[in-house]
Amino acid sequence: MTTTVDFVDPLELVDAERYGRRGYPHEVWTRLRAEAPVARIEPPGWERFWAITKHADVQYVAKEPLKFSSAGGITLRRAGAALPPPTEILVLQDPPKHGPMRRVANPNFTPRGVRARRDDIDEIAAEILDAALADSDELDFVDAVAAPFPLAVIASVLGAPRSDVDDLFRWTNEIIGKDDPEFRRDGETPGQTIKRARGELHAYLVGLIDQRRSAPQDDLVTLLLGADLDGVPLRPDTLLAYAELLVEAGNETTRNAISGGLLALAEHPAEWEKLRANPDLVPDAVEEMLRWVSPISHFTRLATEEVEVAGVTIPKGEQVALYFASANRDEDVFDDPFTFRVDRNPNPHLTFGFGEHFCMGAHLARVEIEVMYRRLLERIDSFEVSGPIERLSSITNGSLKRLPIRCRRRA
């Protein structure tokens, strides 16, 4: 098996502007799956990394957290960039620390915990949709629906006022979209943007935590203040890292799946009609949207020892990129993977990851997407894209910045 990829321009995998202009590089991933599923990539200006593009190989790496560490960062590194300093952010923890930290907040995100919130989630979805459709049949679906909805849900979970959602939206755009010029202030580098925005978000969350210390409520921040690890209360930096993760990760995947799912339905109108005729297909449609959109293209791991993956030796200390979006088009796993089908079943996509770091918010995201699409089916007969679509310039987040639509409401 070859690891040489002279047939691929490595910038196709690391140029954020290309992602923003054309979307994910599925043609590149398809060829890598066929010819070099574990491929050494050496882009100019970036640290060398190994692209893992097959479903089975992504699963293998993801379920070996001691051989492939998250502590070295989960995004590709520029050449010469230092490894991140130790942090309390959950996604950057390895065993044995990861499990106990995860269990602190996990009860809120189990199927049972999410079911208890379903009525509240449904009410938020109805409010946001009704407001979006109140004055016009034309709207930017991202700005009016897909972005504010999951942020409002996360604000409710955390105990943040709904009035603060606009600030949370801005900070998460700047942190996640630091490579997109739209989200950088004049003269800022991407590094300066993320540092400033994260500092502003931290200051906000510290204020919210301080409020809950003096006035506890029935919310996640209050729960975290009363939680412990091995009998020791959470340290302030652990508490802050938890809250930050929920704000950033708790809205991005859901936002992208909701907006990308609607774009897929616009591009495949027969699938929308299939849903209208049989709303019981909504849960299957949610899974297909998650597979099709793959809101996170990849995360990285760092090899802690020399490891063999699919017959290829990965040297100790080198990054591997787990391309979830490629695995979700793997021809060996999915029948006709480049066809969008709302009734696809089974659908073993890897959108939420696999193994130790399987997304803690997966159940919440699924319920949010399902609730939103049930409400859309109640309110809309048909819709079409009515203007230019804009994508985020990011090699990690497959995000739509703008999705203008024109819809015809149900009588």
Protein backbone atom coordinates (compact mmCIF):
# COMPACT_ATOMS: atom_id res chain seq x y z
CA MET A 1 0.00 0.00 0.00
CA THR A 2 1.38 3.37 -1.02
CA THR A 3 1.70 6.29 1.38
CA THR A 4 2.95 8.66 -1.34
CA VAL A 5 0.31 11.06 -2.64
CA ASP A 6 1.94 12.89 -5.52
CA PHE A 7 -1.49 12.89 -7.18
CA VAL A 8 -2.93 15.21 -4.49
CA ASP A 9 -2.20 18.89 -4.05
CA PRO A 10 -1.69 19.01 -0.25
CA LEU A 11 -3.12 22.53 -0.12
CA GLU A 12 -6.50 21.02 -1.02
CA LEU A 13 -6.60 19.76 2.58
CA VAL A 14 -5.31 22.85 4.41
CA ASP A 15 -6.37 25.92 2.41
CA ALA A 16 -9.33 27.42 4.27
CA GLU A 17 -10.17 29.74 1.39
CA ARG A 18 -10.66 26.76 -0.93
CA TYR A 19 -13.01 25.13 1.58
CA GLY A 20 -14.97 28.36 1.77
CA ARG A 21 -15.21 28.65 -1.99
CA ARG A 22 -15.97 25.02 -2.93
CA GLY A 23 -16.89 23.13 0.23
CA TYR A 24 -15.28 19.87 1.30
CA PRO A 25 -12.69 18.29 -1.07
CA HIS A 26 -14.68 15.09 -1.62
CA GLU A 27 -12.92 14.31 -4.91
CA VAL A 28 -9.56 14.31 -3.10
CA TRP A 29 -10.86 12.15 -0.25
CA THR A 30 -12.44 9.68 -2.69
CA ARG A 31 -9.12 9.15 -4.44
CA LEU A 32 -7.27 8.86 -1.13
CA ARG A 33 -9.72 6.19 0.08
CA ALA A 34 -9.08 4.23 -3.10
CA GLU A 35 -5.32 4.65 -3.49
CA ALA A 36 -3.78 5.81 -0.19
CA PRO A 37 -6.22 5.54 2.73
CA VAL A 38 -3.39 6.23 5.20
CA ALA A 39 -1.48 8.96 3.40
CA ARG A 40 1.44 11.15 4.37
CA ILE A 41 0.57 14.79 3.64
CA GLU A 42 3.27 17.49 3.66
CA PRO A 43 1.69 20.89 2.89
CA PRO A 44 4.03 23.88 2.70
CA GLY A 45 3.78 25.93 5.88
CA TRP A 46 2.20 23.08 7.88
CA GLU A 47 3.44 20.24 10.03
CA ARG A 48 3.43 16.89 8.24
CA PHE A 49 0.39 14.75 9.04
CA TRP A 50 -1.24 11.48 8.05
CA ALA A 51 -4.69 11.60 6.42
CA ILE A 52 -6.94 8.76 7.58
CA THR A 53 -9.88 8.58 5.16
CA LYS A 54 -11.49 5.11 5.48
CA HIS A 55 -14.34 4.42 7.90
CA ALA A 56 -12.70 1.39 9.53
CA ASP A 57 -9.35 3.14 9.97
CA VAL A 58 -10.93 6.23 11.51
CA GLN A 59 -12.73 3.94 13.97
CA TYR A 60 -9.52 2.10 14.81
CA VAL A 61 -7.57 5.27 15.62
CA ALA A 62 -10.47 6.83 17.53
CA LYS A 63 -10.82 3.84 19.85
CA GLU A 64 -7.11 3.83 20.78
CA PRO A 65 -6.77 7.04 22.86
CA LEU A 66 -3.57 5.87 24.57
CA LYS A 67 -1.83 5.27 21.24
CA PHE A 68 -3.33 8.38 19.61
CA SER A 69 -3.53 11.24 22.08
CA SER A 70 -5.88 14.25 22.03
CA ALA A 71 -3.70 16.21 24.45
CA GLY A 72 -1.49 17.44 21.61
CA GLY A 73 -4.40 19.31 20.05
CA ILE A 74 -7.23 18.30 17.73
CA THR A 75 -6.54 20.65 14.81
CA LEU A 76 -3.76 20.63 12.24
CA ARG A 77 -0.68 22.64 13.22
CA ARG A 78 1.18 25.27 11.27
CA ALA A 79 4.89 24.59 10.75
CA GLY A 80 6.86 25.35 13.89
CA ALA A 81 3.77 25.80 16.06
CA ALA A 82 4.19 24.61 19.63
CA LEU A 83 1.99 21.93 21.12
CA PRO A 84 -0.86 23.42 23.15
CA PRO A 85 -0.22 23.86 26.87
CA PRO A 86 -2.01 21.54 29.32
CA THR A 87 -5.67 22.42 29.55
CA GLU A 88 -8.84 21.34 31.33
CA ILE A 89 -10.92 21.27 28.12
CA LEU A 90 -12.58 17.85 27.97
CA VAL A 91 -11.86 17.15 24.29
CA LEU A 92 -8.12 17.48 25.00
CA GLN A 93 -8.08 14.93 27.82
CA ASP A 94 -6.85 11.35 27.54
CA PRO A 95 -7.59 8.40 29.84
CA PRO A 96 -7.62 8.04 32.76
CA LYS A 97 -8.62 11.68 33.30
CA HIS A 98 -11.13 11.93 30.48
CA GLY A 99 -13.75 9.48 31.82
CA PRO A 100 -14.29 11.01 35.28
CA MET A 101 -14.36 14.53 33.81
CA ARG A 102 -16.94 13.47 31.23
CA ARG A 103 -19.18 11.89 33.85
CA VAL A 104 -19.51 15.19 35.72
CA ALA A 105 -21.98 16.66 33.21
CA ASN A 106 -22.98 13.55 31.28
CA PRO A 107 -26.36 13.02 33.05
CA ASN A 108 -27.63 16.17 31.34
CA PHE A 109 -26.88 14.71 27.92
CA THR A 110 -28.03 11.09 28.22
CA PRO A 111 -31.18 10.11 26.27
CA ARG A 112 -33.14 10.35 29.52
CA GLY A 113 -31.68 13.75 30.39
CA VAL A 114 -32.42 15.11 26.93
CA ARG A 115 -35.98 13.72 26.93
CA ALA A 116 -36.66 15.76 30.03
CA ARG A 117 -35.81 18.89 28.05
CA ARG A 118 -37.65 18.00 24.85
CA ASP A 119 -40.71 20.18 25.53
CA ASP A 120 -38.48 23.17 26.22
CA ILE A 121 -36.48 22.51 23.04
CA ASP A 122 -39.69 22.22 21.03
CA GLU A 123 -40.98 25.52 22.44
CA ILE A 124 -37.73 27.29 21.53
CA ALA A 125 -37.87 25.86 17.98
CA ALA A 126 -41.46 27.05 17.53
CA GLU A 127 -40.66 30.54 18.83
CA ILE A 128 -37.65 30.96 16.56
CA LEU A 129 -39.40 29.64 13.45
CA ASP A 130 -42.50 31.76 14.03
CA ALA A 131 -40.36 34.87 14.48
CA ALA A 132 -38.35 34.06 11.34
CA LEU A 133 -41.46 33.59 9.21
CA ALA A 134 -43.53 36.39 10.75
CA ASP A 135 -42.83 39.18 8.27
CA SER A 136 -41.61 37.60 5.06
CA ASP A 137 -41.38 34.36 3.12
CA GLU A 138 -37.74 35.16 2.33
CA LEU A 139 -35.04 34.83 4.96
CA ASP A 140 -31.45 33.89 5.59
CA PHE A 141 -32.03 30.49 7.14
CA VAL A 142 -28.68 30.47 8.95
CA ASP A 143 -29.09 33.86 10.59
CA ALA A 144 -32.81 33.52 11.37
CA VAL A 145 -33.11 29.85 12.34
CA ALA A 146 -30.12 27.49 12.23
CA ALA A 147 -27.78 29.67 14.30
CA PRO A 148 -30.01 31.13 17.04
CA PHE A 149 -31.87 27.87 17.76
CA PRO A 150 -29.05 25.68 19.19
CA LEU A 151 -27.52 28.71 20.92
CA ALA A 152 -30.83 29.42 22.63
CA VAL A 153 -31.00 25.78 23.74
CA ILE A 154 -27.44 25.85 25.10
CA ALA A 155 -28.14 29.16 26.85
CA SER A 156 -31.13 27.50 28.50
CA VAL A 157 -29.03 24.50 29.58
CA LEU A 158 -26.28 26.72 30.99
CA GLY A 159 -28.68 29.19 32.58
CA ALA A 160 -27.59 32.14 30.42
CA PRO A 161 -30.21 34.77 29.54
CA ARG A 162 -31.72 34.48 26.04
CA SER A 163 -30.74 38.12 25.52
CA ASP A 164 -27.07 37.08 25.53
CA VAL A 165 -27.42 34.76 22.53
CA ASP A 166 -26.22 37.42 20.05
CA ASP A 167 -22.96 37.83 21.97
CA LEU A 168 -22.49 34.05 22.19
CA PHE A 169 -23.11 33.84 18.43
CA ARG A 170 -20.46 36.47 17.71
CA TRP A 171 -17.83 34.92 19.98
CA THR A 172 -18.31 31.41 18.63
CA ASN A 173 -18.16 32.69 15.05
CA GLU A 174 -14.88 34.43 15.80
CA ILE A 175 -13.36 31.45 17.65
CA ILE A 176 -14.45 28.79 15.16
CA GLY A 177 -14.17 31.04 12.09
CA LYS A 178 -10.84 32.68 12.91
CA ASP A 179 -9.49 31.77 9.46
CA ASP A 180 -12.39 33.51 7.73
CA PRO A 181 -11.65 37.22 7.06
CA GLU A 182 -15.29 38.10 7.76
CA PHE A 183 -14.88 37.26 11.44
CA ARG A 184 -11.56 39.04 11.99
CA ARG A 185 -11.29 42.68 12.95
CA ASP A 186 -9.12 45.00 10.87
CA GLY A 187 -5.45 44.18 11.33
CA GLU A 188 -6.04 40.98 13.31
CA THR A 189 -4.36 37.70 12.53
CA PRO A 190 -6.34 34.48 13.04
CA GLY A 191 -4.38 33.88 16.24
CA GLN A 192 -5.21 37.33 17.56
CA THR A 193 -8.88 36.89 16.69
CA ILE A 194 -9.27 33.63 18.58
CA LYS A 195 -7.32 34.96 21.56
CA ARG A 196 -9.47 38.09 21.83
CA ALA A 197 -12.79 36.33 21.27
CA ARG A 198 -11.94 33.53 23.70
CA GLY A 199 -10.90 36.11 26.29
CA GLU A 200 -14.23 37.91 25.92
CA LEU A 201 -16.15 34.64 26.16
CA HIS A 202 -14.15 33.62 29.25
CA ALA A 203 -14.92 36.94 30.95
CA TYR A 204 -18.62 36.44 30.24
CA LEU A 205 -18.64 32.86 31.55
CA VAL A 206 -16.69 33.79 34.71
CA GLY A 207 -19.37 36.40 35.41
CA LEU A 208 -22.13 33.82 34.88
CA ILE A 209 -20.35 31.35 37.19
CA ASP A 210 -19.97 34.01 39.87
CA GLN A 211 -23.69 34.81 39.63
CA ARG A 212 -24.59 31.16 40.20
CA ARG A 213 -22.31 30.94 43.23
CA SER A 214 -24.40 33.60 44.93
CA ALA A 215 -27.76 32.67 43.37
CA PRO A 216 -27.98 28.96 42.40
CA GLN A 217 -30.57 27.90 39.82
CA ASP A 218 -31.70 24.73 38.10
CA ASP A 219 -29.06 24.85 35.36
CA LEU A 220 -25.80 23.23 34.33
CA VAL A 221 -23.53 25.92 35.75
CA THR A 222 -25.09 25.41 39.19
CA LEU A 223 -24.70 21.64 38.78
CA LEU A 224 -21.01 22.04 37.89
CA LEU A 225 -20.45 24.27 40.91
CA GLY A 226 -21.72 21.44 43.12
CA ALA A 227 -19.85 18.67 41.28
CA ASP A 228 -16.57 17.04 42.23
CA LEU A 229 -13.80 14.87 40.83
CA ASP A 230 -12.81 12.13 43.27
CA GLY A 231 -14.34 14.11 46.12
CA VAL A 232 -12.63 17.38 45.20
CA PRO A 233 -14.74 20.32 43.88
CA LEU A 234 -14.04 21.31 40.29
CA ARG A 235 -11.20 23.79 39.95
CA PRO A 236 -12.14 27.20 38.48
CA ASP A 237 -10.25 26.46 35.24
CA THR A 238 -12.04 23.11 34.88
CA LEU A 239 -15.40 24.76 35.42
CA LEU A 240 -14.62 27.46 32.87
CA ALA A 241 -13.35 24.94 30.32
CA TYR A 242 -16.55 22.91 30.65
CA ALA A 243 -18.75 25.95 30.12
CA GLU A 244 -16.67 27.11 27.14
CA LEU A 245 -16.86 23.69 25.48
CA LEU A 246 -20.64 23.62 25.78
CA VAL A 247 -20.99 27.05 24.19
CA GLU A 248 -18.61 26.35 21.31
CA ALA A 249 -19.29 22.69 20.54
CA GLY A 250 -22.90 22.78 21.71
CA ASN A 251 -24.08 24.90 18.83
CA GLU A 252 -21.75 24.45 15.87
CA THR A 253 -22.53 20.86 14.88
CA THR A 254 -26.27 21.36 15.25
CA ARG A 255 -26.24 24.69 13.42
CA ASN A 256 -24.35 23.19 10.48
CA ALA A 257 -26.48 20.05 10.31
CA ILE A 258 -29.73 22.04 10.32
CA SER A 259 -28.60 24.48 7.64
CA GLY A 260 -26.69 21.94 5.56
CA GLY A 261 -29.64 19.57 5.82
CA LEU A 262 -31.99 22.19 4.41
CA LEU A 263 -29.59 22.87 1.55
CA ALA A 264 -29.48 19.12 0.80
CA LEU A 265 -33.27 19.02 0.72
CA ALA A 266 -33.34 22.06 -1.58
CA GLU A 267 -30.93 20.27 -3.92
CA HIS A 268 -32.97 17.04 -3.68
CA PRO A 269 -36.61 18.22 -3.68
CA ALA A 270 -37.95 14.68 -4.09
CA GLU A 271 -36.52 13.88 -0.65
CA TRP A 272 -38.40 16.83 0.86
CA GLU A 273 -41.60 15.53 -0.73
CA LYS A 274 -40.83 12.09 0.69
CA LEU A 275 -40.60 13.65 4.16
CA ARG A 276 -43.81 15.60 3.70
CA ALA A 277 -45.62 12.43 2.70
CA ASN A 278 -44.18 10.45 5.62
CA PRO A 279 -43.07 12.53 8.64
CA ASP A 280 -42.22 9.29 10.45
CA LEU A 281 -39.03 9.33 8.36
CA VAL A 282 -37.73 12.39 10.21
CA PRO A 283 -35.42 10.41 12.58
CA ASP A 284 -33.84 8.64 9.58
CA ALA A 285 -33.62 11.96 7.75
CA VAL A 286 -31.75 13.47 10.71
CA GLU A 287 -29.14 10.71 10.50
CA GLU A 288 -28.76 11.24 6.77
CA MET A 289 -28.33 14.99 7.24
CA LEU A 290 -25.62 14.31 9.82
CA ARG A 291 -23.86 11.92 7.43
CA TRP A 292 -24.27 14.10 4.36
CA VAL A 293 -23.25 17.39 5.97
CA SER A 294 -20.56 16.01 8.33
CA PRO A 295 -20.33 19.34 10.22
CA ILE A 296 -16.78 18.61 11.43
CA SER A 297 -14.49 17.51 8.60
CA HIS A 298 -11.77 16.09 10.85
CA PHE A 299 -10.04 16.12 14.22
CA THR A 300 -6.42 15.20 14.81
CA ARG A 301 -4.58 12.91 17.21
CA LEU A 302 -0.88 12.58 18.07
CA ALA A 303 0.80 9.18 17.90
CA THR A 304 2.31 8.40 21.31
CA GLU A 305 4.30 5.47 19.92
CA GLU A 306 5.08 3.94 16.55
CA VAL A 307 1.76 2.47 15.40
CA GLU A 308 0.65 0.53 12.35
CA VAL A 309 -2.65 1.56 10.72
CA ALA A 310 -3.93 -0.50 7.80
CA GLY A 311 -0.42 -1.74 7.07
CA VAL A 312 1.20 1.72 7.24
CA THR A 313 3.59 2.67 10.06
CA ILE A 314 2.87 6.00 11.74
CA PRO A 315 6.00 7.32 13.50
CA LYS A 316 5.80 8.39 17.14
CA GLY A 317 5.03 12.07 17.63
CA GLU A 318 3.30 12.67 14.30
CA GLN A 319 -0.23 13.95 13.75
CA VAL A 320 -3.00 11.90 12.19
CA ALA A 321 -6.13 13.57 10.81
CA LEU A 322 -9.31 11.55 11.22
CA TYR A 323 -11.44 12.64 8.25
CA PHE A 324 -14.96 11.92 9.47
CA ALA A 325 -16.45 13.56 6.39
CA SER A 326 -14.51 11.17 4.16
CA ALA A 327 -15.44 8.14 6.29
CA ASN A 328 -19.09 9.15 5.88
CA ARG A 329 -18.75 8.65 2.10
CA ASP A 330 -16.86 5.36 2.32
CA GLU A 331 -18.04 3.11 -0.52
CA ASP A 332 -17.29 0.00 1.55
CA VAL A 333 -19.78 1.06 4.23
CA PHE A 334 -22.50 3.11 2.53
CA ASP A 335 -24.50 2.03 -0.49
CA ASP A 336 -24.37 4.79 -3.12
CA PRO A 337 -22.71 7.20 -0.64
CA PHE A 338 -22.99 10.29 -2.86
CA THR A 339 -26.77 10.03 -2.96
CA PHE A 340 -28.80 11.87 -0.30
CA ARG A 341 -31.64 9.64 0.93
CA VAL A 342 -33.86 10.58 3.88
CA ASP A 343 -34.83 6.93 4.34
CA ARG A 344 -31.27 5.58 4.45
CA ASN A 345 -31.07 2.84 7.08
CA PRO A 346 -28.77 1.60 8.48
CA ASN A 347 -26.59 4.67 8.62
CA PRO A 348 -23.41 4.08 10.68
CA HIS A 349 -21.96 7.55 10.12
CA LEU A 350 -19.10 8.88 12.24
CA THR A 351 -20.31 12.48 12.49
CA PHE A 352 -20.17 12.41 16.29
CA GLY A 353 -16.84 10.63 16.37
CA PHE A 354 -16.18 7.20 17.82
CA GLY A 355 -14.81 5.63 20.96
CA GLU A 356 -13.55 7.58 23.96
CA HIS A 357 -14.39 11.00 22.52
CA PHE A 358 -17.80 10.22 21.05
CA CYS A 359 -19.65 13.53 21.24
CA MET A 360 -21.30 13.97 24.63
CA GLY A 361 -23.97 16.19 23.08
CA ALA A 362 -24.98 13.75 20.33
CA HIS A 363 -28.40 12.95 21.85
CA LEU A 364 -29.16 16.64 22.34
CA ALA A 365 -28.12 17.49 18.77
CA ARG A 366 -30.30 14.72 17.33
CA VAL A 367 -33.35 15.89 19.26
CA GLU A 368 -32.76 19.53 18.27
CA ILE A 369 -32.52 18.67 14.57
CA GLU A 370 -35.55 16.37 14.72
CA VAL A 371 -37.67 18.94 16.56
CA MET A 372 -36.72 21.70 14.12
CA TYR A 373 -37.58 19.64 11.05
CA ARG A 374 -40.90 18.49 12.46
CA ARG A 375 -41.76 22.15 13.04
CA LEU A 376 -40.61 23.05 9.51
CA LEU A 377 -42.82 20.34 8.02
CA GLU A 378 -45.79 21.80 9.91
CA ARG A 379 -45.16 25.30 8.56
CA ILE A 380 -43.71 25.01 5.06
CA ASP A 381 -44.98 23.35 1.89
CA SER A 382 -41.95 24.06 -0.26
CA PHE A 383 -38.85 26.22 -0.42
CA GLU A 384 -35.99 27.13 -2.72
CA VAL A 385 -32.59 28.75 -2.45
CA SER A 386 -33.11 32.40 -3.41
CA GLY A 387 -29.58 33.84 -3.47
CA PRO A 388 -25.87 33.09 -3.21
CA ILE A 389 -24.80 30.55 -0.59
CA GLU A 390 -21.75 31.46 1.48
CA ARG A 391 -19.55 28.94 3.27
CA LEU A 392 -17.17 29.45 6.17
CA SER A 393 -13.49 29.52 5.24
CA SER A 394 -12.40 26.73 7.57
CA ILE A 395 -10.68 23.39 7.06
CA THR A 396 -12.39 21.96 10.15
CA ASN A 397 -15.96 23.25 10.24
CA GLY A 398 -18.25 22.63 7.28
CA SER A 399 -20.39 25.63 8.04
CA LEU A 400 -22.77 27.72 5.96
CA LYS A 401 -22.58 31.42 6.77
CA ARG A 402 -25.58 32.34 4.63
CA LEU A 403 -28.42 30.32 3.13
CA PRO A 404 -31.07 32.64 1.63
CA ILE A 405 -34.35 30.84 0.98
CA ARG A 406 -37.83 31.63 -0.30
CA CYS A 407 -40.57 29.44 1.13
CA ARG A 408 -44.25 28.78 0.56
CA ARG A 409 -46.11 28.30 3.81
CA ARG A 410 -48.68 25.65 4.55
CA ALA A 411 -52.25 26.83 4.60
